[in-house]
């Protein structure tokens, strides 16, 4: 959610429904209707909104990772061009070019809350990949396994869990500093 300062609207939402899709035929939902529980940034014209995702030709988030009835914090861009197609519900886009959503459960948010600098992450990842390659070359399976565990831990370090009230305070400070 480090990119949250750039978006138009941030809210705690509950997923109500999806566009028609058939997971057995590899068809994925292209939009979901969500109910706004709490607005954290910006404004919405309606208490329910449509969130557009990947349609195969855009750079939006795949929506098949979300579930009806689950709650999320979404950081969204207004989609003016689709308002006419959404039964008078305001339309937004959920980007996939960064981290624009968090899971919410029992007063905690989980996901990529604070991002490691890209250069730092890339440097650490490159070093681990080089070391894994060397371990493979020397057939040192124990070392290779330990290095792969470190690599997974590096990816996991990007994810975190935070109390929702603390998250709101942190987000508020981040939004103020980016405006």
C-alpha atoms as a PDB file:
ATOM      1  CA  UNK A   1       0.000   0.000   0.000  1.00  0.00           C
ATOM      2  CA  UNK A   2       3.025   2.271  -0.303  1.00  0.00           C
ATOM      3  CA  UNK A   3       1.533   3.480  -3.593  1.00  0.00           C
ATOM      4  CA  UNK A   4      -1.701   4.524  -1.872  1.00  0.00           C
ATOM      5  CA  UNK A   5      -0.825   8.220  -1.957  1.00  0.00           C
ATOM      6  CA  UNK A   6      -1.115   8.196  -5.749  1.00  0.00           C
ATOM      7  CA  UNK A   7      -4.632   6.755  -6.002  1.00  0.00           C
ATOM      8  CA  UNK A   8      -7.990   8.576  -5.942  1.00  0.00           C
ATOM      9  CA  UNK A   9      -9.889   6.446  -3.436  1.00  0.00           C
ATOM     10  CA  UNK A  10      -9.065   4.067  -0.577  1.00  0.00           C
ATOM     11  CA  UNK A  11     -11.700   2.126   1.339  1.00  0.00           C
ATOM     12  CA  UNK A  12     -12.393  -0.872   3.504  1.00  0.00           C
ATOM     13  CA  UNK A  13     -14.843  -2.907   1.412  1.00  0.00           C
ATOM     14  CA  UNK A  14     -16.753  -6.182   1.409  1.00  0.00           C
ATOM     15  CA  UNK A  15     -17.053  -8.134  -1.853  1.00  0.00           C
ATOM     16  CA  UNK A  16     -20.718  -8.590  -2.812  1.00  0.00           C
ATOM     17  CA  UNK A  17     -20.565 -10.183  -6.291  1.00  0.00           C
ATOM     18  CA  UNK A  18     -18.571 -10.696  -9.475  1.00  0.00           C
ATOM     19  CA  UNK A  19     -19.262 -10.400 -13.173  1.00  0.00           C
ATOM     20  CA  UNK A  20     -20.379 -13.709 -14.629  1.00  0.00           C
ATOM     21  CA  UNK A  21     -17.515 -16.120 -15.175  1.00  0.00           C
ATOM     22  CA  UNK A  22     -16.825 -19.832 -15.414  1.00  0.00           C
ATOM     23  CA  UNK A  23     -13.673 -21.008 -13.671  1.00  0.00           C
ATOM     24  CA  UNK A  24     -13.976 -24.407 -15.388  1.00  0.00           C
ATOM     25  CA  UNK A  25     -13.461 -22.692 -18.756  1.00  0.00           C
ATOM     26  CA  UNK A  26     -10.639 -20.428 -17.549  1.00  0.00           C
ATOM     27  CA  UNK A  27     -12.911 -17.390 -17.733  1.00  0.00           C
ATOM     28  CA  UNK A  28     -12.185 -14.929 -14.954  1.00  0.00           C
ATOM     29  CA  UNK A  29     -14.306 -12.124 -13.502  1.00  0.00           C
ATOM     30  CA  UNK A  30     -13.584  -8.707 -15.015  1.00  0.00           C
ATOM     31  CA  UNK A  31     -15.340  -6.704 -12.303  1.00  0.00           C
ATOM     32  CA  UNK A  32     -16.637  -7.061  -8.766  1.00  0.00           C
ATOM     33  CA  UNK A  33     -19.284  -5.146  -6.862  1.00  0.00           C
ATOM     34  CA  UNK A  34     -18.191  -4.143  -3.375  1.00  0.00           C
ATOM     35  CA  UNK A  35     -19.894  -2.449  -0.449  1.00  0.00           C
ATOM     36  CA  UNK A  36     -17.977   0.399   1.143  1.00  0.00           C
ATOM     37  CA  UNK A  37     -17.593  -0.169   4.881  1.00  0.00           C
ATOM     38  CA  UNK A  38     -15.279   2.774   5.560  1.00  0.00           C
ATOM     39  CA  UNK A  39     -13.727   5.420   3.306  1.00  0.00           C
ATOM     40  CA  UNK A  40     -10.083   6.179   4.105  1.00  0.00           C
ATOM     41  CA  UNK A  41      -9.297   8.582   1.245  1.00  0.00           C
ATOM     42  CA  UNK A  42     -11.374  10.332  -1.407  1.00  0.00           C
ATOM     43  CA  UNK A  43     -15.105  10.106  -2.016  1.00  0.00           C
ATOM     44  CA  UNK A  44     -17.580   7.810  -3.668  1.00  0.00           C
ATOM     45  CA  UNK A  45     -20.938   8.816  -5.085  1.00  0.00           C
ATOM     46  CA  UNK A  46     -22.504   5.533  -3.935  1.00  0.00           C
ATOM     47  CA  UNK A  47     -22.190   3.078  -1.025  1.00  0.00           C
ATOM     48  CA  UNK A  48     -21.675   0.207  -3.458  1.00  0.00           C
ATOM     49  CA  UNK A  49     -19.127   0.517  -6.263  1.00  0.00           C
ATOM     50  CA  UNK A  50     -17.863  -1.498  -9.199  1.00  0.00           C
ATOM     51  CA  UNK A  51     -14.171  -2.385  -9.215  1.00  0.00           C
ATOM     52  CA  UNK A  52     -12.743  -3.318 -12.599  1.00  0.00           C
ATOM     53  CA  UNK A  53      -9.902  -5.812 -12.901  1.00  0.00           C
ATOM     54  CA  UNK A  54      -8.010  -7.659 -15.606  1.00  0.00           C
ATOM     55  CA  UNK A  55      -9.882  -8.304 -18.850  1.00  0.00           C
ATOM     56  CA  UNK A  56      -6.938  -9.736 -20.774  1.00  0.00           C
ATOM     57  CA  UNK A  57      -6.080  -6.426 -22.435  1.00  0.00           C
ATOM     58  CA  UNK A  58      -5.294  -4.080 -19.534  1.00  0.00           C
ATOM     59  CA  UNK A  59      -2.914  -3.689 -16.588  1.00  0.00           C
ATOM     60  CA  UNK A  60      -5.439  -4.254 -13.820  1.00  0.00           C
ATOM     61  CA  UNK A  61      -5.456  -6.823 -11.002  1.00  0.00           C
ATOM     62  CA  UNK A  62      -6.743 -10.364 -11.536  1.00  0.00           C
ATOM     63  CA  UNK A  63      -9.947 -10.537  -9.470  1.00  0.00           C
ATOM     64  CA  UNK A  64     -10.046 -14.320  -9.001  1.00  0.00           C
ATOM     65  CA  UNK A  65      -7.948 -13.905  -5.820  1.00  0.00           C
ATOM     66  CA  UNK A  66     -10.848 -12.125  -4.078  1.00  0.00           C
ATOM     67  CA  UNK A  67     -13.838 -13.915  -2.517  1.00  0.00           C
ATOM     68  CA  UNK A  68     -17.479 -12.945  -2.064  1.00  0.00           C
ATOM     69  CA  UNK A  69     -18.097 -12.052   1.578  1.00  0.00           C
ATOM     70  CA  UNK A  70     -14.434 -11.290   2.348  1.00  0.00           C
ATOM     71  CA  UNK A  71     -13.226  -7.838   3.366  1.00  0.00           C
ATOM     72  CA  UNK A  72     -10.308  -5.898   1.876  1.00  0.00           C
ATOM     73  CA  UNK A  73      -8.681  -2.494   1.853  1.00  0.00           C
ATOM     74  CA  UNK A  74      -8.557  -1.353  -1.785  1.00  0.00           C
ATOM     75  CA  UNK A  75      -6.618   1.594  -3.183  1.00  0.00           C
ATOM     76  CA  UNK A  76      -8.357   2.564  -6.428  1.00  0.00           C
ATOM     77  CA  UNK A  77      -8.343   4.903  -9.407  1.00  0.00           C
ATOM     78  CA  UNK A  78     -11.597   6.499 -10.589  1.00  0.00           C
ATOM     79  CA  UNK A  79     -12.738   5.091 -13.922  1.00  0.00           C
ATOM     80  CA  UNK A  80     -14.820   7.863 -15.518  1.00  0.00           C
ATOM     81  CA  UNK A  81     -15.289   6.011 -18.806  1.00  0.00           C
ATOM     82  CA  UNK A  82     -17.103   3.047 -17.290  1.00  0.00           C
ATOM     83  CA  UNK A  83     -19.637   4.889 -15.087  1.00  0.00           C
ATOM     84  CA  UNK A  84     -22.283   4.576 -17.806  1.00  0.00           C
ATOM     85  CA  UNK A  85     -21.959   0.774 -17.887  1.00  0.00           C
ATOM     86  CA  UNK A  86     -22.342   0.084 -14.180  1.00  0.00           C
ATOM     87  CA  UNK A  87     -26.031   0.573 -13.331  1.00  0.00           C
ATOM     88  CA  UNK A  88     -25.459   3.949 -11.676  1.00  0.00           C
ATOM     89  CA  UNK A  89     -22.701   2.598  -9.445  1.00  0.00           C
ATOM     90  CA  UNK A  90     -19.421   4.502  -9.497  1.00  0.00           C
ATOM     91  CA  UNK A  91     -16.619   2.658 -11.310  1.00  0.00           C
ATOM     92  CA  UNK A  92     -13.014   2.283 -10.154  1.00  0.00           C
ATOM     93  CA  UNK A  93      -9.922   0.438 -11.383  1.00  0.00           C
ATOM     94  CA  UNK A  94      -7.710  -1.808  -9.256  1.00  0.00           C
ATOM     95  CA  UNK A  95      -4.191  -1.557 -10.663  1.00  0.00           C
ATOM     96  CA  UNK A  96      -1.715  -4.419 -10.716  1.00  0.00           C
ATOM     97  CA  UNK A  97       1.337  -2.186 -11.225  1.00  0.00           C
ATOM     98  CA  UNK A  98       2.227  -2.281  -7.533  1.00  0.00           C
ATOM     99  CA  UNK A  99       0.417  -3.313  -4.374  1.00  0.00           C
ATOM    100  CA  UNK A 100      -3.049  -1.803  -4.161  1.00  0.00           C
ATOM    101  CA  UNK A 101      -4.938  -4.092  -1.807  1.00  0.00           C
ATOM    102  CA  UNK A 102      -4.749  -5.739   1.607  1.00  0.00           C
ATOM    103  CA  UNK A 103      -6.792  -8.519   3.180  1.00  0.00           C
ATOM    104  CA  UNK A 104      -8.779  -7.611   6.292  1.00  0.00           C
ATOM    105  CA  UNK A 105      -9.760 -10.023   9.058  1.00  0.00           C
ATOM    106  CA  UNK A 106     -10.491  -9.579  12.774  1.00  0.00           C
ATOM    107  CA  UNK A 107      -9.284  -5.950  12.905  1.00  0.00           C
ATOM    108  CA  UNK A 108      -6.000  -6.722  11.097  1.00  0.00           C
ATOM    109  CA  UNK A 109      -4.817  -6.022   7.561  1.00  0.00           C
ATOM    110  CA  UNK A 110      -2.381  -8.353   5.818  1.00  0.00           C
ATOM    111  CA  UNK A 111      -0.359  -7.903   2.665  1.00  0.00           C
ATOM    112  CA  UNK A 112       2.417  -5.712   1.339  1.00  0.00           C
ATOM    113  CA  UNK A 113       2.066  -2.842   3.790  1.00  0.00           C
ATOM    114  CA  UNK A 114       5.537  -1.316   3.596  1.00  0.00           C
ATOM    115  CA  UNK A 115       7.659  -2.046   0.590  1.00  0.00           C
ATOM    116  CA  UNK A 116      11.374  -2.620   0.611  1.00  0.00           C
ATOM    117  CA  UNK A 117      13.192  -0.347  -1.809  1.00  0.00           C
ATOM    118  CA  UNK A 118      13.336  -2.001  -5.224  1.00  0.00           C
ATOM    119  CA  UNK A 119      17.127  -1.700  -5.515  1.00  0.00           C
ATOM    120  CA  UNK A 120      17.661  -3.246  -2.081  1.00  0.00           C
ATOM    121  CA  UNK A 121      15.286  -6.119  -2.820  1.00  0.00           C
ATOM    122  CA  UNK A 122      16.800  -6.727  -6.275  1.00  0.00           C
ATOM    123  CA  UNK A 123      20.341  -6.744  -4.885  1.00  0.00           C
ATOM    124  CA  UNK A 124      19.456  -9.250  -2.147  1.00  0.00           C
ATOM    125  CA  UNK A 125      17.527 -11.432  -4.588  1.00  0.00           C
ATOM    126  CA  UNK A 126      20.387 -11.413  -7.113  1.00  0.00           C
ATOM    127  CA  UNK A 127      22.892 -12.456  -4.414  1.00  0.00           C
ATOM    128  CA  UNK A 128      20.650 -15.315  -3.294  1.00  0.00           C
ATOM    129  CA  UNK A 129      20.051 -16.492  -6.868  1.00  0.00           C
ATOM    130  CA  UNK A 130      23.821 -16.458  -7.544  1.00  0.00           C
ATOM    131  CA  UNK A 131      24.470 -18.450  -4.369  1.00  0.00           C
ATOM    132  CA  UNK A 132      21.723 -20.949  -5.253  1.00  0.00           C
ATOM    133  CA  UNK A 133      23.305 -21.397  -8.710  1.00  0.00           C
ATOM    134  CA  UNK A 134      26.713 -22.070  -7.151  1.00  0.00           C
ATOM    135  CA  UNK A 135      25.206 -24.575  -4.718  1.00  0.00           C
ATOM    136  CA  UNK A 136      23.566 -26.384  -7.650  1.00  0.00           C
ATOM    137  CA  UNK A 137      26.885 -26.447  -9.528  1.00  0.00           C
ATOM    138  CA  UNK A 138      28.598 -28.116  -6.564  1.00  0.00           C
ATOM    139  CA  UNK A 139      25.670 -30.494  -5.888  1.00  0.00           C
ATOM    140  CA  UNK A 140      25.334 -29.134  -2.336  1.00  0.00           C
ATOM    141  CA  UNK A 141      21.632 -29.882  -1.844  1.00  0.00           C
ATOM    142  CA  UNK A 142      21.615 -28.913   1.841  1.00  0.00           C
ATOM    143  CA  UNK A 143      23.070 -25.480   1.105  1.00  0.00           C
ATOM    144  CA  UNK A 144      20.765 -25.056  -1.892  1.00  0.00           C
ATOM    145  CA  UNK A 145      17.712 -25.855   0.268  1.00  0.00           C
ATOM    146  CA  UNK A 146      18.782 -23.376   2.958  1.00  0.00           C
ATOM    147  CA  UNK A 147      19.348 -20.663   0.342  1.00  0.00           C
ATOM    148  CA  UNK A 148      15.931 -21.310  -1.194  1.00  0.00           C
ATOM    149  CA  UNK A 149      14.406 -20.946   2.282  1.00  0.00           C
ATOM    150  CA  UNK A 150      16.208 -17.604   2.658  1.00  0.00           C
ATOM    151  CA  UNK A 151      14.858 -16.545  -0.729  1.00  0.00           C
ATOM    152  CA  UNK A 152      11.296 -17.393   0.359  1.00  0.00           C
ATOM    153  CA  UNK A 153      11.863 -15.499   3.614  1.00  0.00           C
ATOM    154  CA  UNK A 154      12.958 -12.467   1.568  1.00  0.00           C
ATOM    155  CA  UNK A 155       9.694 -12.601  -0.394  1.00  0.00           C
ATOM    156  CA  UNK A 156       7.725 -13.134   2.832  1.00  0.00           C
ATOM    157  CA  UNK A 157       9.425 -10.109   4.421  1.00  0.00           C
ATOM    158  CA  UNK A 158       7.519  -7.923   1.967  1.00  0.00           C
ATOM    159  CA  UNK A 159       4.258  -9.094   3.502  1.00  0.00           C
ATOM    160  CA  UNK A 160       3.086  -8.063   6.905  1.00  0.00           C
ATOM    161  CA  UNK A 161       0.159  -7.851   9.300  1.00  0.00           C
ATOM    162  CA  UNK A 162      -0.902  -4.710  11.105  1.00  0.00           C
ATOM    163  CA  UNK A 163      -3.731  -3.712  13.422  1.00  0.00           C
ATOM    164  CA  UNK A 164      -6.333  -1.876  11.315  1.00  0.00           C
ATOM    165  CA  UNK A 165      -6.471   1.215  13.565  1.00  0.00           C
ATOM    166  CA  UNK A 166      -2.680   1.541  13.462  1.00  0.00           C
ATOM    167  CA  UNK A 167      -2.795   1.024   9.692  1.00  0.00           C
ATOM    168  CA  UNK A 168      -5.330   3.887   9.337  1.00  0.00           C
ATOM    169  CA  UNK A 169      -3.089   6.233  11.324  1.00  0.00           C
ATOM    170  CA  UNK A 170      -0.020   5.216   9.294  1.00  0.00           C
ATOM    171  CA  UNK A 171      -1.946   5.587   6.039  1.00  0.00           C
ATOM    172  CA  UNK A 172      -3.196   9.037   7.051  1.00  0.00           C
ATOM    173  CA  UNK A 173       0.376  10.216   7.676  1.00  0.00           C
ATOM    174  CA  UNK A 174       1.515   8.709   4.366  1.00  0.00           C
ATOM    175  CA  UNK A 175      -1.284  10.434   2.435  1.00  0.00           C
ATOM    176  CA  UNK A 176      -0.496  13.794   4.075  1.00  0.00           C
ATOM    177  CA  UNK A 177       3.223  13.511   3.282  1.00  0.00           C
ATOM    178  CA  UNK A 178       2.560  12.601  -0.356  1.00  0.00           C
ATOM    179  CA  UNK A 179       0.141  15.463  -1.066  1.00  0.00           C
END
